[in-house]
Amino acid sequence: MSRTEFVVATAIILFVAFCLGWFSNWLVHRFSRVAANDVAELDRMSQELHEAEETRDQAITYLQQREAELTNQLAQTEAELRAAMDGLRDARHEAEEMRAHIDRQQAG
């Protein structure tokens, strides 16, 4: 193989390698290309997801506040119930004492 034939063979091999690389690059870009409407759809979906997350966070905050209010209200109601039950117990005890006093006065 002479020097000229070697240079020509090397040039052909390099050209074929270049063509194969260019063709594979074109194929990759052809199949992985994203259409503009797909990008717009992804942007819209990401915006909706962001809004949904904000709404969820607001709902969680509202529910936590509402739960705190209801817990406080329940504690107040239980305290009022205890006070009413104590008052009722005292009133019953006083009524029993009055009945016993009246019974002693009527018997004596």
C-alpha atoms as a PDB file:
ATOM      1  CA  MET A   1       0.000   0.000   0.000  1.00  0.00           C
ATOM      2  CA  SER A   2       1.534   3.268  -1.063  1.00  0.00           C
ATOM      3  CA  ARG A   3       1.458   6.438   0.882  1.00  0.00           C
ATOM      4  CA  THR A   4      -1.246   7.971  -1.305  1.00  0.00           C
ATOM      5  CA  GLU A   5      -3.491   4.929  -0.992  1.00  0.00           C
ATOM      6  CA  PHE A   6      -3.025   5.000   2.793  1.00  0.00           C
ATOM      7  CA  VAL A   7      -3.985   8.678   2.970  1.00  0.00           C
ATOM      8  CA  VAL A   8      -7.049   8.102   0.745  1.00  0.00           C
ATOM      9  CA  ALA A   9      -8.136   5.038   2.780  1.00  0.00           C
ATOM     10  CA  THR A  10      -7.696   6.964   6.042  1.00  0.00           C
ATOM     11  CA  ALA A  11      -9.645   9.917   4.619  1.00  0.00           C
ATOM     12  CA  ILE A  12     -12.482   7.618   3.505  1.00  0.00           C
ATOM     13  CA  ILE A  13     -12.592   5.910   6.931  1.00  0.00           C
ATOM     14  CA  LEU A  14     -12.644   9.278   8.705  1.00  0.00           C
ATOM     15  CA  PHE A  15     -15.341  10.581   6.350  1.00  0.00           C
ATOM     16  CA  VAL A  16     -17.490   7.478   6.923  1.00  0.00           C
ATOM     17  CA  ALA A  17     -16.977   7.837  10.703  1.00  0.00           C
ATOM     18  CA  PHE A  18     -17.974  11.516  10.457  1.00  0.00           C
ATOM     19  CA  CYS A  19     -21.096  10.636   8.433  1.00  0.00           C
ATOM     20  CA  LEU A  20     -22.096   7.914  10.902  1.00  0.00           C
ATOM     21  CA  GLY A  21     -21.610  10.307  13.847  1.00  0.00           C
ATOM     22  CA  TRP A  22     -23.579  13.040  12.152  1.00  0.00           C
ATOM     23  CA  PHE A  23     -26.389  10.605  11.250  1.00  0.00           C
ATOM     24  CA  SER A  24     -26.578   9.191  14.784  1.00  0.00           C
ATOM     25  CA  ASN A  25     -26.626  12.745  16.189  1.00  0.00           C
ATOM     26  CA  TRP A  26     -29.477  13.628  13.824  1.00  0.00           C
ATOM     27  CA  LEU A  27     -31.411  10.503  14.864  1.00  0.00           C
ATOM     28  CA  VAL A  28     -30.989  11.249  18.563  1.00  0.00           C
ATOM     29  CA  HIS A  29     -32.181  14.821  18.134  1.00  0.00           C
ATOM     30  CA  ARG A  30     -35.014  13.734  15.877  1.00  0.00           C
ATOM     31  CA  PHE A  31     -36.438  11.258  18.405  1.00  0.00           C
ATOM     32  CA  SER A  32     -35.722  13.246  21.540  1.00  0.00           C
ATOM     33  CA  ARG A  33     -37.002  16.559  20.263  1.00  0.00           C
ATOM     34  CA  VAL A  34     -39.812  18.041  22.347  1.00  0.00           C
ATOM     35  CA  ALA A  35     -42.510  19.932  20.528  1.00  0.00           C
ATOM     36  CA  ALA A  36     -43.308  23.485  21.587  1.00  0.00           C
ATOM     37  CA  ASN A  37     -46.853  22.558  22.538  1.00  0.00           C
ATOM     38  CA  ASP A  38     -45.468  19.781  24.763  1.00  0.00           C
ATOM     39  CA  VAL A  39     -43.295  22.333  26.554  1.00  0.00           C
ATOM     40  CA  ALA A  40     -46.304  24.608  26.964  1.00  0.00           C
ATOM     41  CA  GLU A  41     -48.321  21.677  28.321  1.00  0.00           C
ATOM     42  CA  LEU A  42     -45.545  20.840  30.805  1.00  0.00           C
ATOM     43  CA  ASP A  43     -45.399  24.482  31.916  1.00  0.00           C
ATOM     44  CA  ARG A  44     -49.165  24.538  32.412  1.00  0.00           C
ATOM     45  CA  MET A  45     -49.091  21.292  34.361  1.00  0.00           C
ATOM     46  CA  SER A  46     -46.262  22.530  36.585  1.00  0.00           C
ATOM     47  CA  GLN A  47     -48.187  25.741  37.271  1.00  0.00           C
ATOM     48  CA  GLU A  48     -51.324  23.763  38.161  1.00  0.00           C
ATOM     49  CA  LEU A  49     -49.273  21.501  40.421  1.00  0.00           C
ATOM     50  CA  HIS A  50     -47.809  24.530  42.171  1.00  0.00           C
ATOM     51  CA  GLU A  51     -51.283  26.008  42.689  1.00  0.00           C
ATOM     52  CA  ALA A  52     -52.586  22.681  43.991  1.00  0.00           C
ATOM     53  CA  GLU A  53     -49.714  22.469  46.480  1.00  0.00           C
ATOM     54  CA  GLU A  54     -50.446  26.017  47.677  1.00  0.00           C
ATOM     55  CA  THR A  55     -54.135  25.149  48.074  1.00  0.00           C
ATOM     56  CA  ARG A  56     -53.203  22.002  50.002  1.00  0.00           C
ATOM     57  CA  ASP A  57     -50.921  24.001  52.297  1.00  0.00           C
ATOM     58  CA  GLN A  58     -53.679  26.530  52.924  1.00  0.00           C
ATOM     59  CA  ALA A  59     -56.154  23.732  53.674  1.00  0.00           C
ATOM     60  CA  ILE A  60     -53.717  22.118  56.110  1.00  0.00           C
ATOM     61  CA  THR A  61     -53.180  25.447  57.861  1.00  0.00           C
ATOM     62  CA  TYR A  62     -56.939  26.043  58.076  1.00  0.00           C
ATOM     63  CA  LEU A  63     -57.536  22.553  59.455  1.00  0.00           C
ATOM     64  CA  GLN A  64     -54.815  22.993  62.064  1.00  0.00           C
ATOM     65  CA  GLN A  65     -56.306  26.316  63.162  1.00  0.00           C
ATOM     66  CA  ARG A  66     -59.796  24.823  63.257  1.00  0.00           C
ATOM     67  CA  GLU A  67     -58.553  21.833  65.244  1.00  0.00           C
ATOM     68  CA  ALA A  68     -56.894  24.163  67.760  1.00  0.00           C
ATOM     69  CA  GLU A  69     -60.123  26.172  68.086  1.00  0.00           C
ATOM     70  CA  LEU A  70     -62.217  23.038  68.583  1.00  0.00           C
ATOM     71  CA  THR A  71     -59.755  21.621  71.109  1.00  0.00           C
ATOM     72  CA  ASN A  72     -59.900  24.885  73.038  1.00  0.00           C
ATOM     73  CA  GLN A  73     -63.693  24.923  72.870  1.00  0.00           C
ATOM     74  CA  LEU A  74     -63.830  21.309  74.046  1.00  0.00           C
ATOM     75  CA  ALA A  75     -61.543  22.084  76.980  1.00  0.00           C
ATOM     76  CA  GLN A  76     -63.749  25.048  77.943  1.00  0.00           C
ATOM     77  CA  THR A  77     -66.904  22.929  77.661  1.00  0.00           C
ATOM     78  CA  GLU A  78     -65.363  20.187  79.796  1.00  0.00           C
ATOM     79  CA  ALA A  79     -64.358  22.776  82.411  1.00  0.00           C
ATOM     80  CA  GLU A  80     -67.902  24.176  82.412  1.00  0.00           C
ATOM     81  CA  LEU A  81     -69.280  20.644  82.733  1.00  0.00           C
ATOM     82  CA  ARG A  82     -67.023  19.914  85.704  1.00  0.00           C
ATOM     83  CA  ALA A  83     -68.087  23.176  87.329  1.00  0.00           C
ATOM     84  CA  ALA A  84     -71.770  22.366  86.715  1.00  0.00           C
ATOM     85  CA  MET A  85     -71.333  18.846  88.075  1.00  0.00           C
ATOM     86  CA  ASP A  86     -69.568  20.219  91.170  1.00  0.00           C
ATOM     87  CA  GLY A  87     -72.375  22.742  91.635  1.00  0.00           C
ATOM     88  CA  LEU A  88     -74.986  20.023  91.219  1.00  0.00           C
ATOM     89  CA  ARG A  89     -73.190  17.792  93.724  1.00  0.00           C
ATOM     90  CA  ASP A  90     -73.025  20.659  96.210  1.00  0.00           C
ATOM     91  CA  ALA A  91     -76.728  21.460  95.639  1.00  0.00           C
ATOM     92  CA  ARG A  92     -77.704  17.811  96.199  1.00  0.00           C
ATOM     93  CA  HIS A  93     -75.615  17.670  99.363  1.00  0.00           C
ATOM     94  CA  GLU A  94     -77.206  20.899 100.593  1.00  0.00           C
ATOM     95  CA  ALA A  95     -80.682  19.581  99.742  1.00  0.00           C
ATOM     96  CA  GLU A  96     -79.963  16.382 101.705  1.00  0.00           C
ATOM     97  CA  GLU A  97     -78.807  18.456 104.658  1.00  0.00           C
ATOM     98  CA  MET A  98     -81.970  20.562 104.448  1.00  0.00           C
ATOM     99  CA  ARG A  99     -84.173  17.447 104.293  1.00  0.00           C
ATOM    100  CA  ALA A 100     -82.360  15.974 107.258  1.00  0.00           C
ATOM    101  CA  HIS A 101     -82.749  19.261 109.186  1.00  0.00           C
ATOM    102  CA  ILE A 102     -86.455  19.464 108.322  1.00  0.00           C
ATOM    103  CA  ASP A 103     -86.973  15.819 109.301  1.00  0.00           C
ATOM    104  CA  ARG A 104     -85.256  16.449 112.677  1.00  0.00           C
ATOM    105  CA  GLN A 105     -87.409  19.526 113.328  1.00  0.00           C
ATOM    106  CA  GLN A 106     -90.635  17.688 112.450  1.00  0.00           C
ATOM    107  CA  ALA A 107     -89.656  14.707 114.582  1.00  0.00           C
ATOM    108  CA  GLY A 108     -88.640  16.786 117.552  1.00  0.00           C
END
